[in-house]
Amino acid sequence: MEIILAQHAGFCFGVKRATKMAFAASEEYEQIHSLGPLIHSPQVVEKLEQEGVQVCQRVTDIPGGAVLIRSHGVTAGEIEEIHEQQLEIVDATCPFVKKAQDYAAQLSQEGYQLVLIGEADHPEVQGICSYAEGEVFVVASAEEAHKLPRLAKIGIVAQTTQSLENMQEIVSICLAKAKELRAYNTICDATILRQSEARSIAAQVDLMLVIGGFNSANTTRLASLCREQQPCTYHIEIASEVRPEWLVGKEKIGITAGASAPGWIIDDVLTRIEEISAGQ
């Protein structure tokens, strides 16, 4: 049995940075809370809780001390609340997310109707929207983009983990709806590279495993893209979810992982596959 592990599987720059900052902050501050889960990995969040970093969903629930801003960022309103409560900020917002927030603010200030490509219920998208002035149209697909009204000026940014193909298709649709259009490609380079590599591996193997939190948008998208190439694709969060019957008759197994998947879970999955293979 041959295993092909994606070279760019696991933590991206932003997640690695946020995680490093979080563990360092847990040693520096006696009292620290994360506003929402730091990253979309329940296992990493649990480790941080063991180090004293407790998760709060609302600023008003934080009793004092320092607040850790998650890698996906938070809304402009939440930042104001944090300042009002005089909490110290440890800002672990991914720099790519912060750039998308800045572009959203700039475009709306310059009179463009903002169109944000992404999932409306994702915390990163909600955060980006909050930095714009006025209404923001959030579209996740070409189908939703076709429903947009005709507008004089359209400004476009994207959730950092969107696929480039989806953004290109939506930009093309918006171009036909506007007299003037400005689009910023705010998709993280690591996302584009990771998706391209995952597709390539999925096309070569008999079984594809995509590791990452079930609440992770970028991991879910990776699994969807891999499934287009290899229908025998499974999205798993931890090693124990790998089922022995999946490996029966499989000669090549591909593995990739979302941007929030820690290295130790990837290693656990590799060990699990070796153990199952040895027993068959």
Protein backbone atom coordinates (compact mmCIF):
# COMPACT_ATOMS: atom_id res chain seq x y z
CA MET A 1 0.00 0.00 0.00
CA GLU A 2 1.30 3.44 -0.99
CA ILE A 3 0.42 6.56 0.99
CA ILE A 4 0.70 9.98 -0.65
CA LEU A 5 0.73 12.76 1.96
CA ALA A 6 0.18 16.30 0.70
CA GLN A 7 3.22 18.48 1.21
CA HIS A 8 1.08 21.39 2.37
CA ALA A 9 -1.24 19.50 4.71
CA GLY A 10 -2.01 20.98 8.11
CA PHE A 11 -1.39 24.33 9.76
CA CYS A 12 -1.18 27.33 7.46
CA PHE A 13 0.84 30.43 8.34
CA GLY A 14 -2.08 32.22 10.01
CA VAL A 15 -3.11 29.26 12.15
CA LYS A 16 0.48 28.47 13.14
CA ARG A 17 0.97 32.11 14.14
CA ALA A 18 -2.29 32.23 16.11
CA THR A 19 -1.57 28.99 17.94
CA LYS A 20 1.94 30.09 18.88
CA MET A 21 0.60 33.42 20.16
CA ALA A 22 -2.13 31.69 22.16
CA PHE A 23 0.17 29.29 24.01
CA ALA A 24 2.63 32.13 24.72
CA ALA A 25 -0.22 34.31 26.04
CA SER A 26 -1.41 31.49 28.32
CA GLU A 27 1.94 31.72 30.12
CA GLU A 28 2.03 35.52 30.17
CA TYR A 29 -1.45 36.31 31.51
CA GLU A 30 -3.06 35.04 34.70
CA GLN A 31 -6.50 35.45 33.18
CA ILE A 32 -7.12 35.11 29.44
CA HIS A 33 -10.15 34.21 27.37
CA SER A 34 -10.55 33.51 23.67
CA LEU A 35 -13.44 35.29 21.97
CA GLY A 36 -14.78 32.27 20.11
CA PRO A 37 -12.61 29.22 19.34
CA LEU A 38 -9.11 30.29 18.30
CA ILE A 39 -9.13 27.97 15.28
CA HIS A 40 -11.49 25.32 13.91
CA SER A 41 -9.83 22.42 15.65
CA PRO A 42 -11.63 21.14 18.78
CA GLN A 43 -8.47 19.27 19.77
CA VAL A 44 -6.29 22.41 19.77
CA VAL A 45 -8.99 24.39 21.58
CA GLU A 46 -9.10 21.66 24.25
CA LYS A 47 -5.32 21.84 24.71
CA LEU A 48 -5.54 25.61 25.11
CA GLU A 49 -8.27 25.20 27.73
CA GLN A 50 -5.93 22.91 29.66
CA GLU A 51 -3.43 25.79 29.59
CA GLY A 52 -6.01 28.21 30.98
CA VAL A 53 -7.37 29.78 27.78
CA GLN A 54 -11.15 29.61 28.19
CA VAL A 55 -13.53 30.22 25.30
CA CYS A 56 -16.25 32.87 25.61
CA GLN A 57 -18.81 33.57 22.90
CA ARG A 58 -19.59 37.17 23.95
CA VAL A 59 -17.38 40.01 25.16
CA THR A 60 -19.76 40.59 28.08
CA ASP A 61 -18.99 37.06 29.33
CA ILE A 62 -15.30 37.89 29.80
CA PRO A 63 -14.75 38.79 33.48
CA GLY A 64 -11.46 40.63 32.99
CA GLY A 65 -7.82 40.22 32.07
CA ALA A 66 -6.83 39.66 28.45
CA VAL A 67 -8.83 38.61 25.41
CA LEU A 68 -7.41 36.51 22.59
CA ILE A 69 -8.75 37.42 19.14
CA ARG A 70 -9.19 34.27 17.05
CA SER A 71 -7.44 33.73 13.72
CA HIS A 72 -10.71 34.41 11.83
CA GLY A 73 -10.97 37.85 13.43
CA VAL A 74 -13.96 39.42 15.16
CA THR A 75 -16.42 42.16 14.29
CA ALA A 76 -15.72 45.87 14.59
CA GLY A 77 -18.46 46.06 17.22
CA GLU A 78 -16.80 43.42 19.34
CA ILE A 79 -13.52 45.33 19.21
CA GLU A 80 -15.36 48.41 20.52
CA GLU A 81 -16.87 46.34 23.35
CA ILE A 82 -13.43 45.00 24.27
CA HIS A 83 -12.06 48.55 24.55
CA GLU A 84 -15.08 49.61 26.59
CA GLN A 85 -14.42 46.78 29.07
CA GLN A 86 -10.73 47.82 29.16
CA LEU A 87 -9.53 44.32 28.34
CA GLU A 88 -6.02 43.80 27.08
CA ILE A 89 -5.97 42.47 23.50
CA VAL A 90 -3.83 39.66 22.11
CA ASP A 91 -4.69 39.94 18.42
CA ALA A 92 -4.14 36.63 16.64
CA THR A 93 -6.20 37.63 13.59
CA CYS A 94 -4.62 36.17 10.46
CA PRO A 95 -2.91 38.98 8.51
CA PHE A 96 -4.70 37.82 5.34
CA VAL A 97 -8.07 38.15 7.09
CA LYS A 98 -7.10 41.60 8.36
CA LYS A 99 -6.24 42.65 4.80
CA ALA A 100 -9.71 41.54 3.64
CA GLN A 101 -11.24 43.62 6.45
CA ASP A 102 -9.21 46.65 5.33
CA TYR A 103 -10.27 46.26 1.68
CA ALA A 104 -13.93 45.92 2.71
CA ALA A 105 -13.72 49.18 4.63
CA GLN A 106 -11.87 50.94 1.78
CA LEU A 107 -14.30 49.86 -0.95
CA SER A 108 -17.39 50.86 0.99
CA GLN A 109 -15.85 54.23 1.90
CA GLU A 110 -15.15 54.83 -1.80
CA GLY A 111 -18.81 54.28 -2.69
CA TYR A 112 -18.72 50.71 -3.95
CA GLN A 113 -21.51 48.29 -3.11
CA LEU A 114 -19.61 45.53 -1.35
CA VAL A 115 -20.07 41.93 -2.48
CA LEU A 116 -18.36 39.43 -0.19
CA ILE A 117 -17.76 35.95 -1.57
CA GLY A 118 -18.11 33.43 1.24
CA GLU A 119 -20.40 31.63 3.68
CA ALA A 120 -22.69 34.08 5.48
CA ASP A 121 -22.59 32.22 8.81
CA HIS A 122 -18.80 31.93 8.96
CA PRO A 123 -17.14 34.09 11.67
CA GLU A 124 -14.52 35.39 9.25
CA VAL A 125 -17.23 36.59 6.84
CA GLN A 126 -19.26 38.18 9.63
CA GLY A 127 -16.15 39.98 10.81
CA ILE A 128 -15.25 41.30 7.34
CA CYS A 129 -18.82 42.53 6.76
CA SER A 130 -18.71 44.57 9.96
CA TYR A 131 -15.89 46.77 8.67
CA ALA A 132 -17.91 47.92 5.67
CA GLU A 133 -20.34 50.82 5.63
CA GLY A 134 -23.93 50.05 4.70
CA GLU A 135 -25.38 46.84 3.26
CA VAL A 136 -23.12 43.97 2.21
CA PHE A 137 -24.21 41.27 -0.22
CA VAL A 138 -22.75 37.91 0.82
CA VAL A 139 -22.77 35.32 -1.96
CA ALA A 140 -21.39 31.80 -1.79
CA SER A 141 -21.99 30.62 -5.34
CA ALA A 142 -22.59 31.65 -8.93
CA GLU A 143 -26.27 30.85 -8.45
CA GLU A 144 -26.51 33.40 -5.65
CA ALA A 145 -24.50 35.94 -7.65
CA HIS A 146 -27.01 35.77 -10.53
CA LYS A 147 -29.68 37.01 -8.09
CA LEU A 148 -27.81 40.24 -7.32
CA PRO A 149 -29.41 43.46 -8.62
CA ARG A 150 -27.75 45.66 -11.23
CA LEU A 151 -25.53 48.21 -9.48
CA ALA A 152 -23.47 51.22 -10.52
CA LYS A 153 -20.33 50.32 -8.60
CA ILE A 154 -19.49 46.87 -7.20
CA GLY A 155 -16.51 46.14 -4.97
CA ILE A 156 -15.56 42.52 -4.32
CA VAL A 157 -13.52 40.74 -1.66
CA ALA A 158 -13.50 37.06 -0.74
CA GLN A 159 -13.32 34.91 2.34
CA THR A 160 -9.67 33.90 2.49
CA THR A 161 -10.37 30.17 2.11
CA GLN A 162 -12.58 30.42 -0.98
CA SER A 163 -11.58 28.62 -4.18
CA LEU A 164 -10.11 30.81 -6.92
CA GLU A 165 -12.47 29.25 -9.49
CA ASN A 166 -15.51 30.25 -7.46
CA MET A 167 -14.25 33.81 -7.10
CA GLN A 168 -13.47 34.09 -10.82
CA GLU A 169 -16.95 32.87 -11.76
CA ILE A 170 -18.70 35.28 -9.38
CA VAL A 171 -16.55 38.23 -10.48
CA SER A 172 -17.47 37.48 -14.09
CA ILE A 173 -21.18 37.51 -13.22
CA CYS A 174 -20.85 40.77 -11.27
CA LEU A 175 -19.00 42.40 -14.15
CA ALA A 176 -22.13 42.05 -16.27
CA LYS A 177 -24.21 43.68 -13.51
CA ALA A 178 -22.09 46.78 -12.87
CA LYS A 179 -20.92 49.88 -14.70
CA GLU A 180 -17.78 49.82 -12.59
CA LEU A 181 -16.22 46.91 -10.71
CA ARG A 182 -13.20 46.61 -8.45
CA ALA A 183 -12.17 43.21 -7.06
CA TYR A 184 -9.43 42.35 -4.62
CA ASN A 185 -8.19 38.77 -4.57
CA THR A 186 -8.11 38.18 -0.83
CA ILE A 187 -7.82 34.41 -1.09
CA CYS A 188 -4.79 33.18 0.84
CA ASP A 189 -2.03 31.82 -1.43
CA ALA A 190 -1.71 28.79 0.84
CA THR A 191 -5.38 27.98 0.23
CA ILE A 192 -4.95 28.02 -3.54
CA LEU A 193 -1.83 25.85 -3.31
CA ARG A 194 -3.44 23.42 -0.86
CA GLN A 195 -6.54 22.99 -3.04
CA SER A 196 -4.53 22.46 -6.21
CA GLU A 197 -2.31 19.87 -4.54
CA ALA A 198 -5.29 18.05 -3.02
CA ARG A 199 -7.00 17.80 -6.41
CA SER A 200 -3.85 16.42 -8.00
CA ILE A 201 -3.40 13.75 -5.33
CA ALA A 202 -7.08 12.76 -5.36
CA ALA A 203 -6.86 12.08 -9.10
CA GLN A 204 -4.03 9.56 -8.52
CA VAL A 205 -5.34 7.48 -5.63
CA ASP A 206 -7.99 4.84 -4.79
CA LEU A 207 -8.94 6.49 -1.49
CA MET A 208 -8.62 10.08 -0.28
CA LEU A 209 -8.69 11.14 3.37
CA VAL A 210 -9.15 14.81 4.29
CA ILE A 211 -8.30 15.61 7.92
CA GLY A 212 -9.69 18.57 9.83
CA GLY A 213 -12.43 19.89 12.06
CA PHE A 214 -15.98 19.27 10.88
CA ASN A 215 -16.61 22.96 11.63
CA SER A 216 -13.75 24.02 9.34
CA ALA A 217 -14.89 25.67 6.09
CA ASN A 218 -11.56 25.20 4.33
CA THR A 219 -11.43 21.49 5.23
CA THR A 220 -14.99 20.93 4.06
CA ARG A 221 -14.10 22.64 0.78
CA LEU A 222 -10.99 20.49 0.40
CA ALA A 223 -13.09 17.35 0.84
CA SER A 224 -15.59 18.58 -1.76
CA LEU A 225 -12.85 19.34 -4.29
CA CYS A 226 -11.20 15.96 -3.69
CA ARG A 227 -14.54 14.18 -4.07
CA GLU A 228 -14.87 15.64 -7.56
CA GLN A 229 -11.67 13.79 -8.50
CA GLN A 230 -12.11 10.71 -6.32
CA PRO A 231 -15.63 9.81 -5.12
CA CYS A 232 -14.07 7.60 -2.45
CA THR A 233 -13.14 10.60 -0.29
CA TYR A 234 -13.75 10.84 3.46
CA HIS A 235 -13.57 13.88 5.73
CA ILE A 236 -12.33 12.83 9.16
CA GLU A 237 -11.42 14.77 12.30
CA ILE A 238 -9.38 12.20 14.26
CA ALA A 239 -7.58 8.92 13.55
CA SER A 240 -10.12 6.64 15.21
CA GLU A 241 -12.66 7.60 12.53
CA VAL A 242 -10.68 5.74 9.84
CA ARG A 243 -12.63 2.53 9.22
CA PRO A 244 -10.81 -0.68 8.22
CA GLU A 245 -13.27 -1.45 5.41
CA TRP A 246 -12.29 1.77 3.63
CA LEU A 247 -8.80 0.36 3.04
CA VAL A 248 -9.84 -3.02 1.63
CA GLY A 249 -8.45 -3.41 -1.90
CA LYS A 250 -6.91 0.05 -1.92
CA GLU A 251 -3.38 0.30 -3.31
CA LYS A 252 -2.91 4.08 -3.16
CA ILE A 253 -4.19 6.30 -0.36
CA GLY A 254 -4.00 10.09 -0.48
CA ILE A 255 -4.01 12.27 2.61
CA THR A 256 -4.38 16.01 3.01
CA ALA A 257 -5.47 18.19 5.90
CA GLY A 258 -7.16 21.52 6.45
CA ALA A 259 -5.38 24.65 7.64
CA SER A 260 -6.39 24.05 11.27
CA ALA A 261 -5.36 20.40 11.49
CA PRO A 262 -2.40 19.97 13.89
CA GLY A 263 0.54 17.79 12.92
CA TRP A 264 0.00 15.28 15.70
CA ILE A 265 -3.44 14.34 14.35
CA ILE A 266 -1.99 13.81 10.86
CA ASP A 267 0.66 11.54 12.42
CA ASP A 268 -2.06 9.65 14.32
CA VAL A 269 -3.94 9.02 11.07
CA LEU A 270 -0.80 7.69 9.39
CA THR A 271 -0.20 5.35 12.33
CA ARG A 272 -3.82 4.20 12.24
CA ILE A 273 -3.57 3.34 8.54
CA GLU A 274 -0.35 1.39 9.11
CA GLU A 275 -1.96 -0.56 11.95
CA ILE A 276 -5.04 -1.41 9.91
CA SER A 277 -2.92 -2.39 6.92
CA ALA A 278 -0.76 -4.68 9.06
CA GLY A 279 -3.83 -6.47 10.36
CA GLN A 280 -5.41 -7.12 6.95
